[in-house]
Amino acid sequence: MALKMIRLELAREKDHPEGDPRQGYEFIAPLNEAGRFSPDEWHRSKKRCTVRQFKPDGADLHGMLIHTGSGAWAFSYDPLSDDDDETVFRLDAHVLRPGEYVSVKEPDGDMHTFRVTKVLPIP
C-alpha cells in the first residue's frame, strides 16, 4: 500500500462543456495496486492525507481528507467546522486511475464530477 497524489480536474458539465483543467483538487491518499482507496491505511497515515483545491482565480484552499462517519469521506479546510466539508462520493468504491471519474458534493449541495488526470507516488 502506498500514498499517492491524485489530481482531479473538473469534467464536462453544463457550465463547462469542455471541462476545466484549472479547477479541481490534488489530494494524497493511500491506494492499493488496483488503484482503490484503503480506509485502513488512511487511519495509519491520515496526517499526511492532505488536499489542495484549486480554481481559476488562484484562491487555493488547503485542508485534509477526513472520514465523516458512515463510510463517508470529505475534503475539509477548517478542522473546527464541518460547514466547509466537501463530500467525495463513494471514495472507497472508486478506482482512482487516470481517466476515471469522481463526484464531489460542495457544502451548498451542488455535485460536480471530476476526472482523474494524474496519480503519482509520494516518497
PDB file of N, CA and C in Angstrom:
ATOM      1  N   MET A   1       0.852  -1.177   0.000  1.00  0.00           N
ATOM      2  CA  MET A   1       0.000   0.000   0.000  1.00  0.00           C
ATOM      3  C   MET A   1       0.890   1.229   0.000  1.00  0.00           C
ATOM      4  N   ALA A   2       0.579   2.171  -0.862  1.00  0.00           N
ATOM      5  CA  ALA A   2       1.415   3.356  -0.968  1.00  0.00           C
ATOM      6  C   ALA A   2       0.568   4.619  -1.029  1.00  0.00           C
ATOM      7  N   LEU A   3       1.130   5.702  -0.499  1.00  0.00           N
ATOM      8  CA  LEU A   3       0.476   7.003  -0.627  1.00  0.00           C
ATOM      9  C   LEU A   3       0.683   7.512  -2.047  1.00  0.00           C
ATOM     10  N   LYS A   4      -0.385   8.094  -2.592  1.00  0.00           N
ATOM     11  CA  LYS A   4      -0.353   8.645  -3.947  1.00  0.00           C
ATOM     12  C   LYS A   4      -0.924  10.057  -3.932  1.00  0.00           C
ATOM     13  N   MET A   5      -0.453  10.879  -4.875  1.00  0.00           N
ATOM     14  CA  MET A   5      -1.041  12.187  -5.113  1.00  0.00           C
ATOM     15  C   MET A   5      -1.986  12.002  -6.297  1.00  0.00           C
ATOM     16  N   ILE A   6      -3.253  12.304  -6.064  1.00  0.00           N
ATOM     17  CA  ILE A   6      -4.283  12.152  -7.083  1.00  0.00           C
ATOM     18  C   ILE A   6      -4.735  13.542  -7.512  1.00  0.00           C
ATOM     19  N   ARG A   7      -4.718  13.796  -8.827  1.00  0.00           N
ATOM     20  CA  ARG A   7      -5.190  15.084  -9.346  1.00  0.00           C
ATOM     21  C   ARG A   7      -6.539  14.865 -10.020  1.00  0.00           C
ATOM     22  N   LEU A   8      -7.515  15.675  -9.598  1.00  0.00           N
ATOM     23  CA  LEU A   8      -8.852  15.669 -10.182  1.00  0.00           C
ATOM     24  C   LEU A   8      -9.076  17.008 -10.877  1.00  0.00           C
ATOM     25  N   GLU A   9      -9.575  16.952 -12.110  1.00  0.00           N
ATOM     26  CA  GLU A   9      -9.910  18.176 -12.852  1.00  0.00           C
ATOM     27  C   GLU A   9     -11.384  18.128 -13.217  1.00  0.00           C
ATOM     28  N   LEU A  10     -12.024  19.301 -13.201  1.00  0.00           N
ATOM     29  CA  LEU A  10     -13.450  19.387 -13.489  1.00  0.00           C
ATOM     30  C   LEU A  10     -13.755  18.744 -14.838  1.00  0.00           C
ATOM     31  N   ALA A  11     -14.705  17.827 -14.837  1.00  0.00           N
ATOM     32  CA  ALA A  11     -15.131  17.150 -16.061  1.00  0.00           C
ATOM     33  C   ALA A  11     -16.193  17.985 -16.769  1.00  0.00           C
ATOM     34  N   ARG A  12     -16.612  17.507 -17.934  1.00  0.00           N
ATOM     35  CA  ARG A  12     -17.654  18.211 -18.693  1.00  0.00           C
ATOM     36  C   ARG A  12     -18.931  18.314 -17.872  1.00  0.00           C
ATOM     37  N   GLU A  13     -19.520  19.502 -17.896  1.00  0.00           N
ATOM     38  CA  GLU A  13     -20.830  19.723 -17.286  1.00  0.00           C
ATOM     39  C   GLU A  13     -21.476  20.908 -17.992  1.00  0.00           C
ATOM     40  N   LYS A  14     -22.711  21.206 -17.636  1.00  0.00           N
ATOM     41  CA  LYS A  14     -23.483  22.236 -18.337  1.00  0.00           C
ATOM     42  C   LYS A  14     -22.719  23.546 -18.497  1.00  0.00           C
ATOM     43  N   ASP A  15     -22.157  24.059 -17.410  1.00  0.00           N
ATOM     44  CA  ASP A  15     -21.464  25.347 -17.468  1.00  0.00           C
ATOM     45  C   ASP A  15     -20.040  25.248 -18.004  1.00  0.00           C
ATOM     46  N   HIS A  16     -19.543  24.037 -18.155  1.00  0.00           N
ATOM     47  CA  HIS A  16     -18.178  23.800 -18.654  1.00  0.00           C
ATOM     48  C   HIS A  16     -18.215  22.628 -19.633  1.00  0.00           C
ATOM     49  N   PRO A  17     -18.715  22.856 -20.864  1.00  0.00           N
ATOM     50  CA  PRO A  17     -18.887  21.741 -21.815  1.00  0.00           C
ATOM     51  C   PRO A  17     -17.587  21.025 -22.186  1.00  0.00           C
ATOM     52  N   GLU A  18     -16.460  21.659 -21.985  1.00  0.00           N
ATOM     53  CA  GLU A  18     -15.168  21.021 -22.254  1.00  0.00           C
ATOM     54  C   GLU A  18     -14.453  20.626 -20.969  1.00  0.00           C
ATOM     55  N   GLY A  19     -15.121  20.820 -19.813  1.00  0.00           N
ATOM     56  CA  GLY A  19     -14.453  20.635 -18.537  1.00  0.00           C
ATOM     57  C   GLY A  19     -13.576  21.842 -18.259  1.00  0.00           C
ATOM     58  N   ASP A  20     -12.765  21.771 -17.215  1.00  0.00           N
ATOM     59  CA  ASP A  20     -11.862  22.873 -16.898  1.00  0.00           C
ATOM     60  C   ASP A  20     -10.675  22.343 -16.099  1.00  0.00           C
ATOM     61  N   PRO A  21      -9.503  22.233 -16.739  1.00  0.00           N
ATOM     62  CA  PRO A  21      -8.324  21.725 -16.039  1.00  0.00           C
ATOM     63  C   PRO A  21      -7.775  22.699 -14.995  1.00  0.00           C
ATOM     64  N   ARG A  22      -8.316  23.921 -14.953  1.00  0.00           N
ATOM     65  CA  ARG A  22      -7.873  24.908 -13.963  1.00  0.00           C
ATOM     66  C   ARG A  22      -8.648  24.814 -12.664  1.00  0.00           C
ATOM     67  N   GLN A  23      -9.624  23.891 -12.610  1.00  0.00           N
ATOM     68  CA  GLN A  23     -10.475  23.764 -11.437  1.00  0.00           C
ATOM     69  C   GLN A  23     -10.487  22.310 -10.980  1.00  0.00           C
ATOM     70  N   GLY A  24     -10.119  22.085  -9.717  1.00  0.00           N
ATOM     71  CA  GLY A  24     -10.130  20.719  -9.217  1.00  0.00           C
ATOM     72  C   GLY A  24      -9.436  20.572  -7.882  1.00  0.00           C
ATOM     73  N   TYR A  25      -8.872  19.395  -7.684  1.00  0.00           N
ATOM     74  CA  TYR A  25      -8.244  19.019  -6.419  1.00  0.00           C
ATOM     75  C   TYR A  25      -6.979  18.225  -6.671  1.00  0.00           C
ATOM     76  N   GLU A  26      -6.038  18.374  -5.781  1.00  0.00           N
ATOM     77  CA  GLU A  26      -4.912  17.458  -5.674  1.00  0.00           C
ATOM     78  C   GLU A  26      -4.925  16.977  -4.235  1.00  0.00           C
ATOM     79  N   PHE A  27      -4.976  15.665  -4.057  1.00  0.00           N
ATOM     80  CA  PHE A  27      -5.008  15.146  -2.694  1.00  0.00           C
ATOM     81  C   PHE A  27      -4.128  13.911  -2.573  1.00  0.00           C
ATOM     82  N   ILE A  28      -3.735  13.645  -1.344  1.00  0.00           N
ATOM     83  CA  ILE A  28      -2.896  12.498  -1.044  1.00  0.00           C
ATOM     84  C   ILE A  28      -3.746  11.468  -0.315  1.00  0.00           C
ATOM     85  N   ALA A  29      -3.657  10.223  -0.796  1.00  0.00           N
ATOM     86  CA  ALA A  29      -4.429   9.141  -0.193  1.00  0.00           C
ATOM     87  C   ALA A  29      -3.718   7.814  -0.433  1.00  0.00           C
ATOM     88  N   PRO A  30      -3.933   6.846   0.446  1.00  0.00           N
ATOM     89  CA  PRO A  30      -3.343   5.528   0.237  1.00  0.00           C
ATOM     90  C   PRO A  30      -4.167   4.730  -0.778  1.00  0.00           C
ATOM     91  N   LEU A  31      -3.482   4.206  -1.789  1.00  0.00           N
ATOM     92  CA  LEU A  31      -4.137   3.377  -2.806  1.00  0.00           C
ATOM     93  C   LEU A  31      -3.438   2.029  -2.879  1.00  0.00           C
ATOM     94  N   ASN A  32      -4.215   0.984  -3.145  1.00  0.00           N
ATOM     95  CA  ASN A  32      -3.604  -0.322  -3.349  1.00  0.00           C
ATOM     96  C   ASN A  32      -3.176  -0.458  -4.813  1.00  0.00           C
ATOM     97  N   GLU A  33      -2.652  -1.606  -5.175  1.00  0.00           N
ATOM     98  CA  GLU A  33      -2.146  -1.822  -6.538  1.00  0.00           C
ATOM     99  C   GLU A  33      -3.233  -1.665  -7.602  1.00  0.00           C
ATOM    100  N   ALA A  34      -4.487  -1.939  -7.227  1.00  0.00           N
ATOM    101  CA  ALA A  34      -5.598  -1.821  -8.171  1.00  0.00           C
ATOM    102  C   ALA A  34      -6.111  -0.386  -8.287  1.00  0.00           C
ATOM    103  N   GLY A  35      -5.541   0.547  -7.500  1.00  0.00           N
ATOM    104  CA  GLY A  35      -5.974   1.941  -7.547  1.00  0.00           C
ATOM    105  C   GLY A  35      -7.151   2.243  -6.656  1.00  0.00           C
ATOM    106  N   ARG A  36      -7.399   1.375  -5.684  1.00  0.00           N
ATOM    107  CA  ARG A  36      -8.513   1.598  -4.763  1.00  0.00           C
ATOM    108  C   ARG A  36      -8.019   2.205  -3.449  1.00  0.00           C
ATOM    109  N   PHE A  37      -8.815   3.120  -2.933  1.00  0.00           N
ATOM    110  CA  PHE A  37      -8.548   3.777  -1.664  1.00  0.00           C
ATOM    111  C   PHE A  37      -8.621   2.762  -0.529  1.00  0.00           C
ATOM    112  N   SER A  38      -7.710   2.884   0.443  1.00  0.00           N
ATOM    113  CA  SER A  38      -7.683   1.978   1.590  1.00  0.00           C
ATOM    114  C   SER A  38      -8.005   2.740   2.881  1.00  0.00           C
ATOM    115  N   PRO A  39      -9.228   2.585   3.405  1.00  0.00           N
ATOM    116  CA  PRO A  39      -9.566   3.240   4.672  1.00  0.00           C
ATOM    117  C   PRO A  39      -8.662   2.805   5.822  1.00  0.00           C
ATOM    118  N   ASP A  40      -8.295   1.540   5.855  1.00  0.00           N
ATOM    119  CA  ASP A  40      -7.426   1.064   6.940  1.00  0.00           C
ATOM    120  C   ASP A  40      -6.066   1.749   6.907  1.00  0.00           C
ATOM    121  N   GLU A  41      -5.500   1.872   5.737  1.00  0.00           N
ATOM    122  CA  GLU A  41      -4.202   2.550   5.607  1.00  0.00           C
ATOM    123  C   GLU A  41      -4.344   4.044   5.882  1.00  0.00           C
ATOM    124  N   TRP A  42      -5.491   4.629   5.533  1.00  0.00           N
ATOM    125  CA  TRP A  42      -5.729   6.052   5.830  1.00  0.00           C
ATOM    126  C   TRP A  42      -5.601   6.292   7.327  1.00  0.00           C
ATOM    127  N   HIS A  43      -6.133   5.377   8.150  1.00  0.00           N
ATOM    128  CA  HIS A  43      -6.048   5.535   9.614  1.00  0.00           C
ATOM    129  C   HIS A  43      -4.597   5.628  10.076  1.00  0.00           C
ATOM    130  N   ARG A  44      -3.699   4.902   9.423  1.00  0.00           N
ATOM    131  CA  ARG A  44      -2.293   4.917   9.810  1.00  0.00           C
ATOM    132  C   ARG A  44      -1.540   6.137   9.269  1.00  0.00           C
ATOM    133  N   SER A  45      -2.065   6.760   8.217  1.00  0.00           N
ATOM    134  CA  SER A  45      -1.327   7.863   7.586  1.00  0.00           C
ATOM    135  C   SER A  45      -2.175   9.118   7.389  1.00  0.00           C
ATOM    136  N   LYS A  46      -3.258   9.276   8.156  1.00  0.00           N
ATOM    137  CA  LYS A  46      -4.195  10.365   7.894  1.00  0.00           C
ATOM    138  C   LYS A  46      -3.593  11.759   8.010  1.00  0.00           C
ATOM    139  N   LYS A  47      -2.545  11.930   8.814  1.00  0.00           N
ATOM    140  CA  LYS A  47      -1.926  13.260   8.923  1.00  0.00           C
ATOM    141  C   LYS A  47      -1.224  13.671   7.637  1.00  0.00           C
ATOM    142  N   ARG A  48      -0.907  12.718   6.785  1.00  0.00           N
ATOM    143  CA  ARG A  48      -0.265  13.022   5.506  1.00  0.00           C
ATOM    144  C   ARG A  48      -1.271  13.151   4.364  1.00  0.00           C
ATOM    145  N   CYS A  49      -2.558  12.869   4.632  1.00  0.00           N
ATOM    146  CA  CYS A  49      -3.590  12.871   3.592  1.00  0.00           C
ATOM    147  C   CYS A  49      -4.199  14.269   3.457  1.00  0.00           C
ATOM    148  N   THR A  50      -3.474  15.106   2.766  1.00  0.00           N
ATOM    149  CA  THR A  50      -3.867  16.500   2.594  1.00  0.00           C
ATOM    150  C   THR A  50      -4.585  16.701   1.264  1.00  0.00           C
ATOM    151  N   VAL A  51      -5.203  17.873   1.115  1.00  0.00           N
ATOM    152  CA  VAL A  51      -5.884  18.231  -0.122  1.00  0.00           C
ATOM    153  C   VAL A  51      -5.605  19.698  -0.441  1.00  0.00           C
ATOM    154  N   ARG A  52      -5.513  19.981  -1.728  1.00  0.00           N
ATOM    155  CA  ARG A  52      -5.452  21.360  -2.223  1.00  0.00           C
ATOM    156  C   ARG A  52      -6.544  21.502  -3.263  1.00  0.00           C
ATOM    157  N   GLN A  53      -7.468  22.416  -3.008  1.00  0.00           N
ATOM    158  CA  GLN A  53      -8.475  22.743  -4.008  1.00  0.00           C
ATOM    159  C   GLN A  53      -7.942  23.918  -4.816  1.00  0.00           C
ATOM    160  N   PHE A  54      -8.003  23.810  -6.138  1.00  0.00           N
ATOM    161  CA  PHE A  54      -7.543  24.917  -6.976  1.00  0.00           C
ATOM    162  C   PHE A  54      -8.656  25.372  -7.907  1.00  0.00           C
ATOM    163  N   LYS A  55      -8.656  26.693  -8.167  1.00  0.00           N
ATOM    164  CA  LYS A  55      -9.661  27.320  -9.033  1.00  0.00           C
ATOM    165  C   LYS A  55      -8.975  28.341  -9.924  1.00  0.00           C
ATOM    166  N   PRO A  56      -9.628  28.740 -11.019  1.00  0.00           N
ATOM    167  CA  PRO A  56      -9.007  29.697 -11.946  1.00  0.00           C
ATOM    168  C   PRO A  56      -8.608  31.023 -11.307  1.00  0.00           C
ATOM    169  N   ASP A  57      -9.308  31.444 -10.254  1.00  0.00           N
ATOM    170  CA  ASP A  57      -8.983  32.726  -9.637  1.00  0.00           C
ATOM    171  C   ASP A  57      -7.740  32.664  -8.755  1.00  0.00           C
ATOM    172  N   GLY A  58      -7.180  31.469  -8.586  1.00  0.00           N
ATOM    173  CA  GLY A  58      -5.946  31.328  -7.823  1.00  0.00           C
ATOM    174  C   GLY A  58      -6.113  31.276  -6.326  1.00  0.00           C
ATOM    175  N   ALA A  59      -7.340  31.268  -5.843  1.00  0.00           N
ATOM    176  CA  ALA A  59      -7.589  31.233  -4.409  1.00  0.00           C
ATOM    177  C   ALA A  59      -7.617  29.782  -3.922  1.00  0.00           C
ATOM    178  N   ASP A  60      -6.449  29.167  -3.840  1.00  0.00           N
ATOM    179  CA  ASP A  60      -6.362  27.767  -3.410  1.00  0.00           C
ATOM    180  C   ASP A  60      -6.788  27.620  -1.951  1.00  0.00           C
ATOM    181  N   LEU A  61      -7.407  26.480  -1.657  1.00  0.00           N
ATOM    182  CA  LEU A  61      -7.729  26.099  -0.290  1.00  0.00           C
ATOM    183  C   LEU A  61      -6.899  24.869   0.049  1.00  0.00           C
ATOM    184  N   HIS A  62      -6.448  24.786   1.290  1.00  0.00           N
ATOM    185  CA  HIS A  62      -5.645  23.653   1.744  1.00  0.00           C
ATOM    186  C   HIS A  62      -6.339  23.019   2.942  1.00  0.00           C
ATOM    187  N   GLY A  63      -6.414  21.694   2.933  1.00  0.00           N
ATOM    188  CA  GLY A  63      -7.083  21.007   4.025  1.00  0.00           C
ATOM    189  C   GLY A  63      -6.660  19.558   4.116  1.00  0.00           C
ATOM    190  N   MET A  64      -7.577  18.742   4.628  1.00  0.00           N
ATOM    191  CA  MET A  64      -7.303  17.340   4.914  1.00  0.00           C
ATOM    192  C   MET A  64      -8.408  16.451   4.331  1.00  0.00           C
ATOM    193  N   LEU A  65      -8.038  15.222   4.010  1.00  0.00           N
ATOM    194  CA  LEU A  65      -9.010  14.191   3.667  1.00  0.00           C
ATOM    195  C   LEU A  65      -9.467  13.584   4.986  1.00  0.00           C
ATOM    196  N   ILE A  66     -10.766  13.660   5.263  1.00  0.00           N
ATOM    197  CA  ILE A  66     -11.279  13.188   6.550  1.00  0.00           C
ATOM    198  C   ILE A  66     -12.360  12.134   6.354  1.00  0.00           C
ATOM    199  N   HIS A  67     -12.578  11.353   7.410  1.00  0.00           N
ATOM    200  CA  HIS A  67     -13.684  10.402   7.466  1.00  0.00           C
ATOM    201  C   HIS A  67     -14.794  11.069   8.260  1.00  0.00           C
ATOM    202  N   THR A  68     -15.985  11.128   7.691  1.00  0.00           N
ATOM    203  CA  THR A  68     -17.079  11.836   8.348  1.00  0.00           C
ATOM    204  C   THR A  68     -18.064  10.895   9.020  1.00  0.00           C
ATOM    205  N   GLY A  69     -17.800   9.610   8.979  1.00  0.00           N
ATOM    206  CA  GLY A  69     -18.690   8.622   9.574  1.00  0.00           C
ATOM    207  C   GLY A  69     -19.556   7.948   8.536  1.00  0.00           C
ATOM    208  N   SER A  70     -20.087   6.797   8.886  1.00  0.00           N
ATOM    209  CA  SER A  70     -20.967   6.022   7.996  1.00  0.00           C
ATOM    210  C   SER A  70     -20.341   5.766   6.624  1.00  0.00           C
ATOM    211  N   GLY A  71     -19.030   5.606   6.581  1.00  0.00           N
ATOM    212  CA  GLY A  71     -18.359   5.306   5.327  1.00  0.00           C
ATOM    213  C   GLY A  71     -18.159   6.492   4.406  1.00  0.00           C
ATOM    214  N   ALA A  72     -18.488   7.702   4.869  1.00  0.00           N
ATOM    215  CA  ALA A  72     -18.366   8.890   4.025  1.00  0.00           C
ATOM    216  C   ALA A  72     -16.994   9.543   4.214  1.00  0.00           C
ATOM    217  N   TRP A  73     -16.493  10.127   3.139  1.00  0.00           N
ATOM    218  CA  TRP A  73     -15.194  10.798   3.112  1.00  0.00           C
ATOM    219  C   TRP A  73     -15.391  12.200   2.581  1.00  0.00           C
ATOM    220  N   ALA A  74     -14.539  13.135   3.042  1.00  0.00           N
ATOM    221  CA  ALA A  74     -14.701  14.524   2.627  1.00  0.00           C
ATOM    222  C   ALA A  74     -13.361  15.249   2.630  1.00  0.00           C
ATOM    223  N   PHE A  75     -13.327  16.343   1.886  1.00  0.00           N
ATOM    224  CA  PHE A  75     -12.223  17.286   1.958  1.00  0.00           C
ATOM    225  C   PHE A  75     -12.668  18.356   2.946  1.00  0.00           C
ATOM    226  N   SER A  76     -11.845  18.633   3.949  1.00  0.00           N
ATOM    227  CA  SER A  76     -12.187  19.621   4.974  1.00  0.00           C
ATOM    228  C   SER A  76     -11.071  20.649   5.049  1.00  0.00           C
ATOM    229  N   TYR A  77     -11.452  21.920   5.085  1.00  0.00           N
ATOM    230  CA  TYR A  77     -10.469  23.001   5.096  1.00  0.00           C
ATOM    231  C   TYR A  77     -10.382  23.693   6.447  1.00  0.00           C
ATOM    232  N   ASP A  78     -11.348  23.433   7.335  1.00  0.00           N
ATOM    233  CA  ASP A  78     -11.347  24.010   8.681  1.00  0.00           C
ATOM    234  C   ASP A  78     -11.627  22.880   9.666  1.00  0.00           C
ATOM    235  N   PRO A  79     -10.622  22.461  10.440  1.00  0.00           N
ATOM    236  CA  PRO A  79     -10.817  21.327  11.345  1.00  0.00           C
ATOM    237  C   PRO A  79     -11.824  21.582  12.465  1.00  0.00           C
ATOM    238  N   LEU A  80     -12.181  22.824  12.703  1.00  0.00           N
ATOM    239  CA  LEU A  80     -13.114  23.148  13.784  1.00  0.00           C
ATOM    240  C   LEU A  80     -14.566  23.216  13.323  1.00  0.00           C
ATOM    241  N   SER A  81     -14.799  23.012  12.011  1.00  0.00           N
ATOM    242  CA  SER A  81     -16.153  23.134  11.480  1.00  0.00           C
ATOM    243  C   SER A  81     -16.372  22.098  10.380  1.00  0.00           C
ATOM    244  N   ASP A  82     -17.607  21.643  10.256  1.00  0.00           N
ATOM    245  CA  ASP A  82     -17.923  20.771   9.121  1.00  0.00           C
ATOM    246  C   ASP A  82     -18.733  21.526   8.064  1.00  0.00           C
ATOM    247  N   ASP A  83     -18.887  22.841   8.235  1.00  0.00           N
ATOM    248  CA  ASP A  83     -19.642  23.661   7.288  1.00  0.00           C
ATOM    249  C   ASP A  83     -18.965  23.762   5.926  1.00  0.00           C
ATOM    250  N   ASP A  84     -17.652  23.533   5.866  1.00  0.00           N
ATOM    251  CA  ASP A  84     -16.930  23.673   4.605  1.00  0.00           C
ATOM    252  C   ASP A  84     -16.603  22.316   3.970  1.00  0.00           C
ATOM    253  N   ASP A  85     -17.027  21.219   4.588  1.00  0.00           N
ATOM    254  CA  ASP A  85     -16.677  19.890   4.088  1.00  0.00           C
ATOM    255  C   ASP A  85     -17.277  19.631   2.706  1.00  0.00           C
ATOM    256  N   GLU A  86     -16.469  19.046   1.843  1.00  0.00           N
ATOM    257  CA  GLU A  86     -16.895  18.667   0.502  1.00  0.00           C
ATOM    258  C   GLU A  86     -16.837  17.142   0.421  1.00  0.00           C
ATOM    259  N   THR A  87     -18.003  16.518   0.340  1.00  0.00           N
ATOM    260  CA  THR A  87     -18.096  15.068   0.362  1.00  0.00           C
ATOM    261  C   THR A  87     -17.614  14.472  -0.954  1.00  0.00           C
ATOM    262  N   VAL A  88     -16.727  13.486  -0.837  1.00  0.00           N
ATOM    263  CA  VAL A  88     -16.235  12.754  -2.001  1.00  0.00           C
ATOM    264  C   VAL A  88     -17.122  11.521  -2.116  1.00  0.00           C
ATOM    265  N   PHE A  89     -17.957  11.485  -3.142  1.00  0.00           N
ATOM    266  CA  PHE A  89     -18.968  10.445  -3.285  1.00  0.00           C
ATOM    267  C   PHE A  89     -18.330   9.078  -3.487  1.00  0.00           C
ATOM    268  N   ARG A  90     -18.575   8.171  -2.538  1.00  0.00           N
ATOM    269  CA  ARG A  90     -18.143   6.774  -2.595  1.00  0.00           C
ATOM    270  C   ARG A  90     -16.646   6.619  -2.892  1.00  0.00           C
ATOM    271  N   LEU A  91     -15.833   7.384  -2.194  1.00  0.00           N
ATOM    272  CA  LEU A  91     -14.389   7.339  -2.414  1.00  0.00           C
ATOM    273  C   LEU A  91     -13.843   5.922  -2.312  1.00  0.00           C
ATOM    274  N   ASP A  92     -14.321   5.169  -1.334  1.00  0.00           N
ATOM    275  CA  ASP A  92     -13.791   3.825  -1.128  1.00  0.00           C
ATOM    276  C   ASP A  92     -14.306   2.805  -2.144  1.00  0.00           C
ATOM    277  N   ALA A  93     -15.181   3.207  -3.049  1.00  0.00           N
ATOM    278  CA  ALA A  93     -15.692   2.300  -4.084  1.00  0.00           C
ATOM    279  C   ALA A  93     -15.089   2.573  -5.461  1.00  0.00           C
ATOM    280  N   HIS A  94     -14.377   3.671  -5.612  1.00  0.00           N
ATOM    281  CA  HIS A  94     -13.831   4.055  -6.917  1.00  0.00           C
ATOM    282  C   HIS A  94     -12.453   3.463  -7.170  1.00  0.00           C
ATOM    283  N   VAL A  95     -12.153   3.303  -8.439  1.00  0.00           N
ATOM    284  CA  VAL A  95     -10.779   3.044  -8.864  1.00  0.00           C
ATOM    285  C   VAL A  95     -10.219   4.410  -9.239  1.00  0.00           C
ATOM    286  N   LEU A  96      -9.111   4.785  -8.622  1.00  0.00           N
ATOM    287  CA  LEU A  96      -8.520   6.103  -8.866  1.00  0.00           C
ATOM    288  C   LEU A  96      -7.330   5.941  -9.799  1.00  0.00           C
ATOM    289  N   ARG A  97      -7.636   5.990 -11.084  1.00  0.00           N
ATOM    290  CA  ARG A  97      -6.647   5.919 -12.156  1.00  0.00           C
ATOM    291  C   ARG A  97      -6.989   6.988 -13.177  1.00  0.00           C
ATOM    292  N   PRO A  98      -5.980   7.463 -13.923  1.00  0.00           N
ATOM    293  CA  PRO A  98      -6.282   8.458 -14.949  1.00  0.00           C
ATOM    294  C   PRO A  98      -7.391   7.984 -15.889  1.00  0.00           C
ATOM    295  N   GLY A  99      -8.329   8.906 -16.131  1.00  0.00           N
ATOM    296  CA  GLY A  99      -9.459   8.615 -16.997  1.00  0.00           C
ATOM    297  C   GLY A  99     -10.725   8.238 -16.243  1.00  0.00           C
ATOM    298  N   GLU A 100     -10.607   7.888 -14.971  1.00  0.00           N
ATOM    299  CA  GLU A 100     -11.781   7.554 -14.150  1.00  0.00           C
ATOM    300  C   GLU A 100     -12.403   8.849 -13.618  1.00  0.00           C
ATOM    301  N   TYR A 101     -13.619   8.741 -13.083  1.00  0.00           N
ATOM    302  CA  TYR A 101     -14.362   9.911 -12.609  1.00  0.00           C
ATOM    303  C   TYR A 101     -14.748   9.773 -11.139  1.00  0.00           C
ATOM    304  N   VAL A 102     -14.800  10.932 -10.467  1.00  0.00           N
ATOM    305  CA  VAL A 102     -15.165  11.019  -9.061  1.00  0.00           C
ATOM    306  C   VAL A 102     -16.080  12.229  -8.899  1.00  0.00           C
ATOM    307  N   SER A 103     -17.121  12.078  -8.080  1.00  0.00           N
ATOM    308  CA  SER A 103     -18.021  13.206  -7.814  1.00  0.00           C
ATOM    309  C   SER A 103     -17.745  13.780  -6.437  1.00  0.00           C
ATOM    310  N   VAL A 104     -17.837  15.105  -6.364  1.00  0.00           N
ATOM    311  CA  VAL A 104     -17.612  15.821  -5.110  1.00  0.00           C
ATOM    312  C   VAL A 104     -18.821  16.736  -4.881  1.00  0.00           C
ATOM    313  N   LYS A 105     -19.369  16.647  -3.669  1.00  0.00           N
ATOM    314  CA  LYS A 105     -20.515  17.480  -3.299  1.00  0.00           C
ATOM    315  C   LYS A 105     -20.032  18.654  -2.467  1.00  0.00           C
ATOM    316  N   GLU A 106     -20.301  19.860  -2.954  1.00  0.00           N
ATOM    317  CA  GLU A 106     -19.891  21.076  -2.264  1.00  0.00           C
ATOM    318  C   GLU A 106     -20.772  21.306  -1.040  1.00  0.00           C
ATOM    319  N   PRO A 107     -20.328  22.163  -0.108  1.00  0.00           N
ATOM    320  CA  PRO A 107     -21.125  22.428   1.099  1.00  0.00           C
ATOM    321  C   PRO A 107     -22.535  22.936   0.805  1.00  0.00           C
ATOM    322  N   ASP A 108     -22.728  23.629  -0.334  1.00  0.00           N
ATOM    323  CA  ASP A 108     -24.062  24.149  -0.670  1.00  0.00           C
ATOM    324  C   ASP A 108     -24.961  23.094  -1.311  1.00  0.00           C
ATOM    325  N   GLY A 109     -24.435  21.872  -1.485  1.00  0.00           N
ATOM    326  CA  GLY A 109     -25.231  20.780  -2.032  1.00  0.00           C
ATOM    327  C   GLY A 109     -25.008  20.508  -3.504  1.00  0.00           C
ATOM    328  N   ASP A 110     -24.309  21.403  -4.212  1.00  0.00           N
ATOM    329  CA  ASP A 110     -24.034  21.184  -5.633  1.00  0.00           C
ATOM    330  C   ASP A 110     -23.042  20.031  -5.791  1.00  0.00           C
ATOM    331  N   MET A 111     -23.332  19.132  -6.743  1.00  0.00           N
ATOM    332  CA  MET A 111     -22.462  17.993  -7.030  1.00  0.00           C
ATOM    333  C   MET A 111     -21.771  18.251  -8.362  1.00  0.00           C
ATOM    334  N   HIS A 112     -20.443  18.022  -8.385  1.00  0.00           N
ATOM    335  CA  HIS A 112     -19.658  18.181  -9.608  1.00  0.00           C
ATOM    336  C   HIS A 112     -18.846  16.909  -9.836  1.00  0.00           C
ATOM    337  N   THR A 113     -18.632  16.600 -11.100  1.00  0.00           N
ATOM    338  CA  THR A 113     -17.857  15.425 -11.464  1.00  0.00           C
ATOM    339  C   THR A 113     -16.468  15.857 -11.913  1.00  0.00           C
ATOM    340  N   PHE A 114     -15.475  15.108 -11.456  1.00  0.00           N
ATOM    341  CA  PHE A 114     -14.081  15.392 -11.766  1.00  0.00           C
ATOM    342  C   PHE A 114     -13.440  14.158 -12.387  1.00  0.00           C
ATOM    343  N   ARG A 115     -12.526  14.406 -13.304  1.00  0.00           N
ATOM    344  CA  ARG A 115     -11.795  13.327 -13.965  1.00  0.00           C
ATOM    345  C   ARG A 115     -10.431  13.191 -13.307  1.00  0.00           C
ATOM    346  N   VAL A 116     -10.031  11.965 -13.020  1.00  0.00           N
ATOM    347  CA  VAL A 116      -8.698  11.701 -12.502  1.00  0.00           C
ATOM    348  C   VAL A 116      -7.725  11.904 -13.660  1.00  0.00           C
ATOM    349  N   THR A 117      -6.769  12.830 -13.499  1.00  0.00           N
ATOM    350  CA  THR A 117      -5.811  13.099 -14.580  1.00  0.00           C
ATOM    351  C   THR A 117      -4.405  12.618 -14.250  1.00  0.00           C
ATOM    352  N   LYS A 118      -4.088  12.498 -12.955  1.00  0.00           N
ATOM    353  CA  LYS A 118      -2.758  12.030 -12.552  1.00  0.00           C
ATOM    354  C   LYS A 118      -2.866  11.242 -11.265  1.00  0.00           C
ATOM    355  N   VAL A 119      -2.018  10.231 -11.166  1.00  0.00           N
ATOM    356  CA  VAL A 119      -1.817   9.508  -9.915  1.00  0.00           C
ATOM    357  C   VAL A 119      -0.308   9.282  -9.810  1.00  0.00           C
ATOM    358  N   LEU A 120       0.312   9.963  -8.845  1.00  0.00           N
ATOM    359  CA  LEU A 120       1.768   9.920  -8.720  1.00  0.00           C
ATOM    360  C   LEU A 120       2.174   9.403  -7.343  1.00  0.00           C
ATOM    361  N   PRO A 121       3.266   8.646  -7.275  1.00  0.00           N
ATOM    362  CA  PRO A 121       3.734   8.155  -5.971  1.00  0.00           C
ATOM    363  C   PRO A 121       4.249   9.287  -5.092  1.00  0.00           C
ATOM    364  N   ILE A 122       4.038   9.128  -3.789  1.00  0.00           N
ATOM    365  CA  ILE A 122       4.553  10.063  -2.800  1.00  0.00           C
ATOM    366  C   ILE A 122       5.730   9.361  -2.103  1.00  0.00           C
ATOM    367  N   PRO A 123       6.906   9.980  -2.106  1.00  0.00           N
ATOM    368  CA  PRO A 123       8.061   9.318  -1.464  1.00  0.00           C
ATOM    369  C   PRO A 123       7.886   9.195   0.041  1.00  0.00           C
TER     370      PRO A 123
END
